[in-house]
Amino acid sequence: MAAMQTTPLTFESSVVVSATPDEVYALVSDVTRTGEWSPVCAECSWDEGQGPEVGSFFTGRNVTPERTWEARSKVVVASPGREFAWSVGPGLVRWSYVIKPADAGTELTETWEFTEAGQKFFHEKLGAEAPARIAAREQAARSGIPATLDAIKRIIEG
């Protein structure tokens, strides 16, 4: 059996958007619009009566050519105009949008972290298939984050 990865896997990328930090936050914290920009997450819905506040839950439906699955997430940061973040699982994967003023508008950084707990979960659930599935998730983040940011920029800038 291959050695299990013991450190989090992370990737991030940034884009400058011609909009205010509050406008960018309003879009990225509206998880019901995720399907407009994500290459994997086709749609998200809040648990009944919940919204973009710390402690709220939402479910995303993810679609790839190989499979479709749902994942429940918990909002862990909801700081208008600054950061919106959620934990899938919770505790398995952390996604965030960090928002900073920039000369030409707003710098939006998307970050993905496949936590040690998430990798351990994959190894326990998938066994020998885990390394390939973890590598596929990492590749999806590396290609998907820039595509997501480009789509968000197009949506905001019209």
Protein backbone atom coordinates (compact mmCIF):
# COMPACT_ATOMS: atom_id res chain seq x y z
CA MET A 1 0.00 0.00 0.00
CA ALA A 2 1.29 3.46 -0.89
CA ALA A 3 2.16 5.84 1.93
CA MET A 4 -0.72 8.10 2.85
CA GLN A 5 -0.28 11.83 2.20
CA THR A 6 0.25 13.51 5.58
CA THR A 7 0.08 17.18 4.69
CA PRO A 8 -2.83 19.21 3.34
CA LEU A 9 -2.95 19.69 -0.42
CA THR A 10 -3.58 23.31 -1.32
CA PHE A 11 -3.96 25.46 -4.41
CA GLU A 12 -4.95 29.08 -4.91
CA SER A 13 -5.26 31.57 -7.72
CA SER A 14 -6.33 35.20 -8.00
CA VAL A 15 -7.97 37.59 -10.45
CA VAL A 16 -8.65 41.33 -10.37
CA VAL A 17 -12.29 42.22 -10.94
CA SER A 18 -13.67 45.65 -11.86
CA ALA A 19 -16.11 45.83 -8.93
CA THR A 20 -16.14 46.79 -5.26
CA PRO A 21 -15.23 44.26 -2.55
CA ASP A 22 -18.88 44.31 -1.40
CA GLU A 23 -20.14 43.54 -4.92
CA VAL A 24 -17.70 40.64 -5.26
CA TYR A 25 -18.64 39.30 -1.82
CA ALA A 26 -22.37 39.52 -2.60
CA LEU A 27 -21.83 37.29 -5.65
CA VAL A 28 -19.46 34.67 -4.24
CA SER A 29 -21.42 34.29 -0.98
CA ASP A 30 -24.60 33.50 -2.94
CA VAL A 31 -23.99 29.76 -3.20
CA THR A 32 -27.23 29.33 -5.15
CA ARG A 33 -25.37 30.89 -8.12
CA THR A 34 -22.33 28.57 -7.94
CA GLY A 35 -23.48 26.60 -10.99
CA GLU A 36 -22.97 29.76 -13.08
CA TRP A 37 -19.21 29.69 -12.56
CA SER A 38 -18.06 26.31 -11.24
CA PRO A 39 -16.87 23.66 -13.72
CA VAL A 40 -17.81 20.88 -11.23
CA CYS A 41 -20.51 22.15 -8.85
CA ALA A 42 -23.67 22.29 -10.95
CA GLU A 43 -25.90 23.72 -8.22
CA CYS A 44 -26.09 24.53 -4.51
CA SER A 45 -28.96 25.09 -2.14
CA TRP A 46 -29.07 26.38 1.41
CA ASP A 47 -30.63 24.30 4.16
CA GLU A 48 -34.11 25.68 4.79
CA GLY A 49 -34.02 29.14 6.36
CA GLN A 50 -30.23 29.46 6.09
CA GLY A 51 -27.96 31.81 4.17
CA PRO A 52 -24.41 33.17 4.05
CA GLU A 53 -23.73 33.21 7.79
CA VAL A 54 -21.18 31.30 9.85
CA GLY A 55 -22.68 27.97 10.90
CA SER A 56 -25.13 27.73 7.98
CA PHE A 57 -25.22 24.59 5.84
CA PHE A 58 -25.70 24.09 2.12
CA THR A 59 -25.59 21.13 -0.25
CA GLY A 60 -23.83 21.15 -3.60
CA ARG A 61 -24.46 18.76 -6.49
CA ASN A 62 -21.20 18.03 -8.29
CA VAL A 63 -21.02 16.58 -11.78
CA THR A 64 -18.04 15.19 -13.70
CA PRO A 65 -18.00 12.88 -16.73
CA GLU A 66 -17.26 9.98 -14.33
CA ARG A 67 -19.82 10.60 -11.62
CA THR A 68 -22.36 12.82 -9.87
CA TRP A 69 -22.37 13.31 -6.09
CA GLU A 70 -23.68 15.64 -3.42
CA ALA A 71 -21.62 17.22 -0.67
CA ARG A 72 -22.84 19.08 2.41
CA SER A 73 -20.86 22.11 3.49
CA LYS A 74 -20.77 24.44 6.48
CA VAL A 75 -19.98 28.16 6.26
CA VAL A 76 -16.90 28.83 8.41
CA VAL A 77 -16.16 32.49 7.48
CA ALA A 78 -18.71 35.10 6.40
CA SER A 79 -17.01 38.47 6.52
CA PRO A 80 -18.74 40.81 4.02
CA GLY A 81 -16.32 42.47 1.64
CA ARG A 82 -13.41 40.37 2.96
CA GLU A 83 -13.84 36.58 2.97
CA PHE A 84 -16.37 33.81 2.43
CA ALA A 85 -15.29 30.25 3.26
CA TRP A 86 -16.85 26.85 3.78
CA SER A 87 -15.83 23.40 4.89
CA VAL A 88 -16.99 20.35 2.95
CA GLY A 89 -17.73 17.30 5.01
CA PRO A 90 -17.29 19.39 7.26
CA GLY A 91 -13.56 19.21 7.86
CA LEU A 92 -12.58 17.30 4.71
CA VAL A 93 -11.98 20.14 2.24
CA ARG A 94 -11.88 23.90 2.84
CA TRP A 95 -12.73 26.39 0.11
CA SER A 96 -12.45 30.16 0.46
CA TYR A 97 -12.78 33.40 -1.42
CA VAL A 98 -10.55 36.15 -0.03
CA ILE A 99 -11.43 39.64 -1.23
CA LYS A 100 -9.02 42.60 -1.13
CA PRO A 101 -9.24 46.10 -2.59
CA ALA A 102 -6.96 46.57 -5.62
CA ASP A 103 -6.06 49.55 -7.81
CA ALA A 104 -8.36 48.38 -10.61
CA GLY A 105 -11.17 47.14 -8.36
CA THR A 106 -10.97 44.00 -6.23
CA GLU A 107 -8.53 41.13 -6.04
CA LEU A 108 -10.41 37.85 -5.59
CA THR A 109 -8.40 34.83 -4.44
CA GLU A 110 -9.93 31.36 -4.41
CA THR A 111 -8.22 28.78 -2.20
CA TRP A 112 -8.74 25.02 -1.97
CA GLU A 113 -7.33 22.88 0.83
CA PHE A 114 -7.76 19.10 0.89
CA THR A 115 -7.16 18.60 4.60
CA GLU A 116 -5.30 15.76 6.27
CA ALA A 117 -8.67 14.59 7.66
CA GLY A 118 -10.13 14.60 4.14
CA GLN A 119 -7.28 12.54 2.75
CA LYS A 120 -7.56 10.09 5.65
CA PHE A 121 -11.31 9.81 4.96
CA PHE A 122 -10.61 9.06 1.28
CA HIS A 123 -8.06 6.36 2.22
CA GLU A 124 -10.49 4.77 4.67
CA LYS A 125 -13.45 4.93 2.26
CA LEU A 126 -11.70 4.14 -1.04
CA GLY A 127 -8.67 2.04 -0.09
CA ALA A 128 -6.33 1.43 -3.03
CA GLU A 129 -8.40 3.78 -5.21
CA ALA A 130 -7.77 6.74 -2.86
CA PRO A 131 -4.47 8.07 -4.29
CA ALA A 132 -5.92 8.29 -7.81
CA ARG A 133 -9.11 9.95 -6.56
CA ILE A 134 -7.12 12.43 -4.43
CA ALA A 135 -4.90 13.25 -7.43
CA ALA A 136 -8.03 13.76 -9.57
CA ARG A 137 -9.48 16.18 -7.00
CA GLU A 138 -6.20 18.10 -6.90
CA GLN A 139 -6.12 18.35 -10.70
CA ALA A 140 -9.76 19.48 -10.72
CA ALA A 141 -8.87 22.28 -8.28
CA ARG A 142 -5.79 23.31 -10.28
CA SER A 143 -7.76 23.59 -13.52
CA GLY A 144 -11.12 24.56 -12.02
CA ILE A 145 -10.09 27.48 -9.83
CA PRO A 146 -8.69 29.63 -12.69
CA ALA A 147 -11.76 28.74 -14.80
CA THR A 148 -14.04 29.66 -11.89
CA LEU A 149 -12.30 33.00 -11.33
CA ASP A 150 -12.48 33.84 -15.04
CA ALA A 151 -16.22 33.06 -15.04
CA ILE A 152 -16.84 35.17 -11.92
CA LYS A 153 -14.96 38.06 -13.55
CA ARG A 154 -17.12 37.74 -16.72
CA ILE A 155 -20.32 37.64 -14.65
CA ILE A 156 -19.42 40.68 -12.54
CA GLU A 157 -18.04 42.76 -15.38
CA GLY A 158 -20.96 41.86 -17.66
